[in-house]
Amino acid sequence: MDAWKLLRIAAFAVPLTGLPAQEASPAPGQVQRDFWRAELPGGEYLVRLSAITSVSLQEYVLDGTARVTEVKVATSGSDLARFYFLEPFLPKPPTAPAQRTLDAVENKVKEVSARVETGDLKTKVVKNYPATTHAHTAEYRLADRESLNKLFRSVSNAWTSGRGGSFKP
C-alpha cells in the first residue's frame, strides 16, 4: 500500500476516535445530571439547574392563624415553585380543653378526608380562581416539616453542586 493511501486512511480515522461518546438516555425514574425533580402527592416538579436563580427556606405566620414553612425555587422563567407545610399557629400553649377541641377537629378532618378525598388533606393545595391559579406559581404542600427540610436540602445541594438530583418524601 502506498504512503499516500495510508495517510488518507489515518487522517480519516483520527477524527472519529476524538468524537465524544453519546450519553445514554436516563433510565425511567433516573434524573439527568443537570435537572432536579420532586415527586410529590400533588404532582411532579422538574427544573433545569441552570434555570434556578435562587432557593429559599423561610417560616412566617399567615394572618395570625397558621404557621407556614416554605421553600421557594425561583427560575429565570416566569414561574415560581412553592413547597410548603402548614400548621396551626398557637401563640400560647393551649389549655387542656382547647387541646381536646383541637384534637377533635383534627380527627374530624381526618375522618372527612377518608370519606371524601382519595388523598390526605395535609398535602392538598387550595387555590382561588383567578388570583392564585394565574399567578405563575406551581405550589406543592407537604405533610410535615421534616419532609420540607429534606426537600430544601435536596434542591439546594443539587443546585450548588451542579449534579442534579431528585426528592420523594
C-alpha atoms as a PDB file:
ATOM      1  CA  MET A   1       0.000   0.000   0.000  1.00  0.00           C
ATOM      2  CA  ASP A   2       1.444   3.383  -0.897  1.00  0.00           C
ATOM      3  CA  ALA A   3       2.180   6.052   1.722  1.00  0.00           C
ATOM      4  CA  TRP A   4      -0.485   8.484   0.436  1.00  0.00           C
ATOM      5  CA  LYS A   5      -3.227   5.897   0.792  1.00  0.00           C
ATOM      6  CA  LEU A   6      -2.137   5.097   4.382  1.00  0.00           C
ATOM      7  CA  LEU A   7      -2.020   8.795   5.206  1.00  0.00           C
ATOM      8  CA  ARG A   8      -5.584   9.323   3.892  1.00  0.00           C
ATOM      9  CA  ILE A   9      -6.887   6.361   5.922  1.00  0.00           C
ATOM     10  CA  ALA A  10      -5.115   7.617   9.069  1.00  0.00           C
ATOM     11  CA  ALA A  11      -6.452  11.166   8.560  1.00  0.00           C
ATOM     12  CA  PHE A  12      -9.978   9.809   8.259  1.00  0.00           C
ATOM     13  CA  ALA A  13      -9.705   7.524  11.342  1.00  0.00           C
ATOM     14  CA  VAL A  14      -8.214  10.072  13.780  1.00  0.00           C
ATOM     15  CA  PRO A  15     -11.231  12.435  13.929  1.00  0.00           C
ATOM     16  CA  LEU A  16     -13.574   9.509  14.524  1.00  0.00           C
ATOM     17  CA  THR A  17     -11.688   8.434  17.637  1.00  0.00           C
ATOM     18  CA  GLY A  18     -11.818  12.001  19.022  1.00  0.00           C
ATOM     19  CA  LEU A  19     -15.611  12.179  18.956  1.00  0.00           C
ATOM     20  CA  PRO A  20     -17.284  12.168  22.361  1.00  0.00           C
ATOM     21  CA  ALA A  21     -19.371   9.137  23.169  1.00  0.00           C
ATOM     22  CA  GLN A  22     -23.105   9.741  23.022  1.00  0.00           C
ATOM     23  CA  GLU A  23     -24.631   9.855  26.504  1.00  0.00           C
ATOM     24  CA  ALA A  24     -27.160   7.161  27.200  1.00  0.00           C
ATOM     25  CA  SER A  25     -30.698   8.241  27.980  1.00  0.00           C
ATOM     26  CA  PRO A  26     -31.523   8.062  31.668  1.00  0.00           C
ATOM     27  CA  ALA A  27     -33.432   5.019  32.838  1.00  0.00           C
ATOM     28  CA  PRO A  28     -37.042   5.579  33.907  1.00  0.00           C
ATOM     29  CA  GLY A  29     -37.093   7.299  37.301  1.00  0.00           C
ATOM     30  CA  GLN A  30     -33.467   8.468  36.888  1.00  0.00           C
ATOM     31  CA  VAL A  31     -32.813  12.203  36.645  1.00  0.00           C
ATOM     32  CA  GLN A  32     -30.195  13.617  34.328  1.00  0.00           C
ATOM     33  CA  ARG A  33     -27.252  15.449  35.867  1.00  0.00           C
ATOM     34  CA  ASP A  34     -28.456  18.950  35.073  1.00  0.00           C
ATOM     35  CA  PHE A  35     -32.020  18.571  36.429  1.00  0.00           C
ATOM     36  CA  TRP A  36     -33.714  18.389  39.813  1.00  0.00           C
ATOM     37  CA  ARG A  37     -37.048  16.598  40.224  1.00  0.00           C
ATOM     38  CA  ALA A  38     -39.562  16.438  43.074  1.00  0.00           C
ATOM     39  CA  GLU A  39     -42.191  13.694  43.067  1.00  0.00           C
ATOM     40  CA  LEU A  40     -44.976  14.685  45.478  1.00  0.00           C
ATOM     41  CA  PRO A  41     -48.571  13.625  46.178  1.00  0.00           C
ATOM     42  CA  GLY A  42     -49.789  16.821  44.458  1.00  0.00           C
ATOM     43  CA  GLY A  43     -47.729  16.308  41.300  1.00  0.00           C
ATOM     44  CA  GLU A  44     -44.181  16.466  39.972  1.00  0.00           C
ATOM     45  CA  TYR A  45     -41.785  19.358  39.524  1.00  0.00           C
ATOM     46  CA  LEU A  46     -38.774  19.233  37.201  1.00  0.00           C
ATOM     47  CA  VAL A  47     -36.325  22.096  36.703  1.00  0.00           C
ATOM     48  CA  ARG A  48     -33.043  22.544  34.862  1.00  0.00           C
ATOM     49  CA  LEU A  49     -30.355  23.515  37.393  1.00  0.00           C
ATOM     50  CA  SER A  50     -29.033  26.299  35.162  1.00  0.00           C
ATOM     51  CA  ALA A  51     -32.502  27.925  35.212  1.00  0.00           C
ATOM     52  CA  ILE A  52     -32.599  28.190  39.029  1.00  0.00           C
ATOM     53  CA  THR A  53     -31.815  31.716  40.235  1.00  0.00           C
ATOM     54  CA  SER A  54     -32.483  31.270  43.961  1.00  0.00           C
ATOM     55  CA  VAL A  55     -33.589  28.744  46.553  1.00  0.00           C
ATOM     56  CA  SER A  56     -35.009  29.910  49.881  1.00  0.00           C
ATOM     57  CA  LEU A  57     -36.427  28.488  53.093  1.00  0.00           C
ATOM     58  CA  GLN A  58     -38.498  30.668  55.403  1.00  0.00           C
ATOM     59  CA  GLU A  59     -41.087  30.497  58.128  1.00  0.00           C
ATOM     60  CA  TYR A  60     -43.876  33.005  58.714  1.00  0.00           C
ATOM     61  CA  VAL A  61     -47.278  33.384  60.362  1.00  0.00           C
ATOM     62  CA  LEU A  62     -50.214  33.781  57.995  1.00  0.00           C
ATOM     63  CA  ASP A  63     -52.979  36.101  59.223  1.00  0.00           C
ATOM     64  CA  GLY A  64     -52.310  35.078  62.829  1.00  0.00           C
ATOM     65  CA  THR A  65     -53.834  31.639  62.250  1.00  0.00           C
ATOM     66  CA  ALA A  66     -51.263  29.389  60.582  1.00  0.00           C
ATOM     67  CA  ARG A  67     -47.511  28.952  60.679  1.00  0.00           C
ATOM     68  CA  VAL A  68     -46.114  28.422  57.176  1.00  0.00           C
ATOM     69  CA  THR A  69     -42.724  26.902  56.480  1.00  0.00           C
ATOM     70  CA  GLU A  70     -41.935  27.398  52.821  1.00  0.00           C
ATOM     71  CA  VAL A  71     -39.290  26.590  50.234  1.00  0.00           C
ATOM     72  CA  LYS A  72     -39.254  28.691  47.069  1.00  0.00           C
ATOM     73  CA  VAL A  73     -37.381  27.829  43.892  1.00  0.00           C
ATOM     74  CA  ALA A  74     -37.132  30.841  41.591  1.00  0.00           C
ATOM     75  CA  THR A  75     -36.115  30.404  37.977  1.00  0.00           C
ATOM     76  CA  SER A  76     -35.065  32.570  35.076  1.00  0.00           C
ATOM     77  CA  GLY A  77     -38.504  31.920  33.550  1.00  0.00           C
ATOM     78  CA  SER A  78     -41.784  33.384  34.757  1.00  0.00           C
ATOM     79  CA  ASP A  79     -42.748  30.502  37.062  1.00  0.00           C
ATOM     80  CA  LEU A  80     -42.018  30.132  40.753  1.00  0.00           C
ATOM     81  CA  ALA A  81     -42.229  26.854  42.659  1.00  0.00           C
ATOM     82  CA  ARG A  82     -43.507  26.930  46.248  1.00  0.00           C
ATOM     83  CA  PHE A  83     -43.287  23.929  48.544  1.00  0.00           C
ATOM     84  CA  TYR A  84     -44.828  24.429  51.960  1.00  0.00           C
ATOM     85  CA  PHE A  85     -46.018  22.922  55.217  1.00  0.00           C
ATOM     86  CA  LEU A  86     -48.890  24.451  57.213  1.00  0.00           C
ATOM     87  CA  GLU A  87     -49.610  24.058  60.904  1.00  0.00           C
ATOM     88  CA  PRO A  88     -51.929  25.888  63.279  1.00  0.00           C
ATOM     89  CA  PHE A  89     -50.418  28.934  64.906  1.00  0.00           C
ATOM     90  CA  LEU A  90     -50.969  28.912  68.633  1.00  0.00           C
ATOM     91  CA  PRO A  91     -49.278  31.896  70.302  1.00  0.00           C
ATOM     92  CA  LYS A  92     -49.712  30.298  73.742  1.00  0.00           C
ATOM     93  CA  PRO A  93     -49.833  26.627  74.617  1.00  0.00           C
ATOM     94  CA  PRO A  94     -53.478  25.575  74.563  1.00  0.00           C
ATOM     95  CA  THR A  95     -55.270  24.780  77.761  1.00  0.00           C
ATOM     96  CA  ALA A  96     -56.372  21.172  78.232  1.00  0.00           C
ATOM     97  CA  PRO A  97     -59.949  21.850  77.000  1.00  0.00           C
ATOM     98  CA  ALA A  98     -58.644  23.802  73.998  1.00  0.00           C
ATOM     99  CA  GLN A  99     -56.208  20.993  73.137  1.00  0.00           C
ATOM    100  CA  ARG A 100     -59.069  18.451  73.316  1.00  0.00           C
ATOM    101  CA  THR A 101     -61.058  20.656  70.925  1.00  0.00           C
ATOM    102  CA  LEU A 102     -58.098  20.919  68.531  1.00  0.00           C
ATOM    103  CA  ASP A 103     -57.607  17.147  68.659  1.00  0.00           C
ATOM    104  CA  ALA A 104     -61.319  16.575  67.975  1.00  0.00           C
ATOM    105  CA  VAL A 105     -61.228  18.943  64.979  1.00  0.00           C
ATOM    106  CA  GLU A 106     -58.120  17.217  63.600  1.00  0.00           C
ATOM    107  CA  ASN A 107     -59.762  13.795  63.993  1.00  0.00           C
ATOM    108  CA  LYS A 108     -62.896  15.058  62.230  1.00  0.00           C
ATOM    109  CA  VAL A 109     -60.798  16.418  59.351  1.00  0.00           C
ATOM    110  CA  LYS A 110     -59.103  13.029  59.001  1.00  0.00           C
ATOM    111  CA  GLU A 111     -62.478  11.259  59.091  1.00  0.00           C
ATOM    112  CA  VAL A 112     -63.983  13.523  56.425  1.00  0.00           C
ATOM    113  CA  SER A 113     -60.816  13.228  54.362  1.00  0.00           C
ATOM    114  CA  ALA A 114     -61.073   9.446  54.404  1.00  0.00           C
ATOM    115  CA  ARG A 115     -64.671   9.588  53.141  1.00  0.00           C
ATOM    116  CA  VAL A 116     -64.395  12.421  50.629  1.00  0.00           C
ATOM    117  CA  GLU A 117     -60.826  12.546  49.368  1.00  0.00           C
ATOM    118  CA  THR A 118     -58.657   9.862  47.885  1.00  0.00           C
ATOM    119  CA  GLY A 119     -55.613  11.514  49.455  1.00  0.00           C
ATOM    120  CA  ASP A 120     -54.700  13.317  52.636  1.00  0.00           C
ATOM    121  CA  LEU A 121     -55.895  16.898  53.110  1.00  0.00           C
ATOM    122  CA  LYS A 122     -52.467  17.735  54.542  1.00  0.00           C
ATOM    123  CA  THR A 123     -50.990  17.581  51.035  1.00  0.00           C
ATOM    124  CA  LYS A 124     -53.772  19.347  49.095  1.00  0.00           C
ATOM    125  CA  VAL A 125     -53.074  22.840  47.779  1.00  0.00           C
ATOM    126  CA  VAL A 126     -56.022  25.238  47.812  1.00  0.00           C
ATOM    127  CA  LYS A 127     -56.104  27.945  45.173  1.00  0.00           C
ATOM    128  CA  ASN A 128     -58.571  30.734  44.431  1.00  0.00           C
ATOM    129  CA  TYR A 129     -59.539  31.418  40.842  1.00  0.00           C
ATOM    130  CA  PRO A 130     -58.235  33.566  39.154  1.00  0.00           C
ATOM    131  CA  ALA A 131     -55.762  35.167  41.580  1.00  0.00           C
ATOM    132  CA  THR A 132     -53.703  32.139  42.599  1.00  0.00           C
ATOM    133  CA  THR A 133     -54.391  29.940  39.584  1.00  0.00           C
ATOM    134  CA  HIS A 134     -52.893  32.507  37.199  1.00  0.00           C
ATOM    135  CA  ALA A 135     -50.001  33.666  39.373  1.00  0.00           C
ATOM    136  CA  HIS A 136     -47.312  31.638  37.523  1.00  0.00           C
ATOM    137  CA  THR A 137     -46.765  29.651  40.704  1.00  0.00           C
ATOM    138  CA  ALA A 138     -46.526  25.887  40.992  1.00  0.00           C
ATOM    139  CA  GLU A 139     -47.494  25.005  44.561  1.00  0.00           C
ATOM    140  CA  TYR A 140     -46.950  21.790  46.451  1.00  0.00           C
ATOM    141  CA  ARG A 141     -47.982  21.098  50.032  1.00  0.00           C
ATOM    142  CA  LEU A 142     -46.037  18.656  52.167  1.00  0.00           C
ATOM    143  CA  ALA A 143     -47.426  16.696  55.090  1.00  0.00           C
ATOM    144  CA  ASP A 144     -44.685  17.514  57.601  1.00  0.00           C
ATOM    145  CA  ARG A 145     -41.870  19.955  58.324  1.00  0.00           C
ATOM    146  CA  GLU A 146     -39.109  17.320  58.176  1.00  0.00           C
ATOM    147  CA  SER A 147     -40.057  16.411  54.583  1.00  0.00           C
ATOM    148  CA  LEU A 148     -39.921  20.100  53.667  1.00  0.00           C
ATOM    149  CA  ASN A 149     -36.469  20.453  55.245  1.00  0.00           C
ATOM    150  CA  LYS A 150     -35.264  17.389  53.305  1.00  0.00           C
ATOM    151  CA  LEU A 151     -36.660  18.884  50.095  1.00  0.00           C
ATOM    152  CA  PHE A 152     -34.760  22.127  50.758  1.00  0.00           C
ATOM    153  CA  ARG A 153     -31.502  20.246  51.349  1.00  0.00           C
ATOM    154  CA  SER A 154     -32.068  18.187  48.196  1.00  0.00           C
ATOM    155  CA  VAL A 155     -32.702  21.115  45.845  1.00  0.00           C
ATOM    156  CA  SER A 156     -30.030  23.375  47.346  1.00  0.00           C
ATOM    157  CA  ASN A 157     -27.411  20.581  47.222  1.00  0.00           C
ATOM    158  CA  ALA A 158     -28.318  19.757  43.620  1.00  0.00           C
ATOM    159  CA  TRP A 159     -28.157  23.413  42.589  1.00  0.00           C
ATOM    160  CA  THR A 160     -24.906  24.307  44.339  1.00  0.00           C
ATOM    161  CA  SER A 161     -23.125  21.109  43.303  1.00  0.00           C
ATOM    162  CA  GLY A 162     -24.459  21.140  39.747  1.00  0.00           C
ATOM    163  CA  ARG A 163     -25.048  17.388  39.972  1.00  0.00           C
ATOM    164  CA  GLY A 164     -28.830  17.292  39.790  1.00  0.00           C
ATOM    165  CA  GLY A 165     -30.941  15.006  41.882  1.00  0.00           C
ATOM    166  CA  SER A 166     -34.418  14.103  42.963  1.00  0.00           C
ATOM    167  CA  PHE A 167     -36.666  14.212  46.008  1.00  0.00           C
ATOM    168  CA  LYS A 168     -39.535  11.995  47.045  1.00  0.00           C
ATOM    169  CA  PRO A 169     -40.958  12.134  50.587  1.00  0.00           C
END
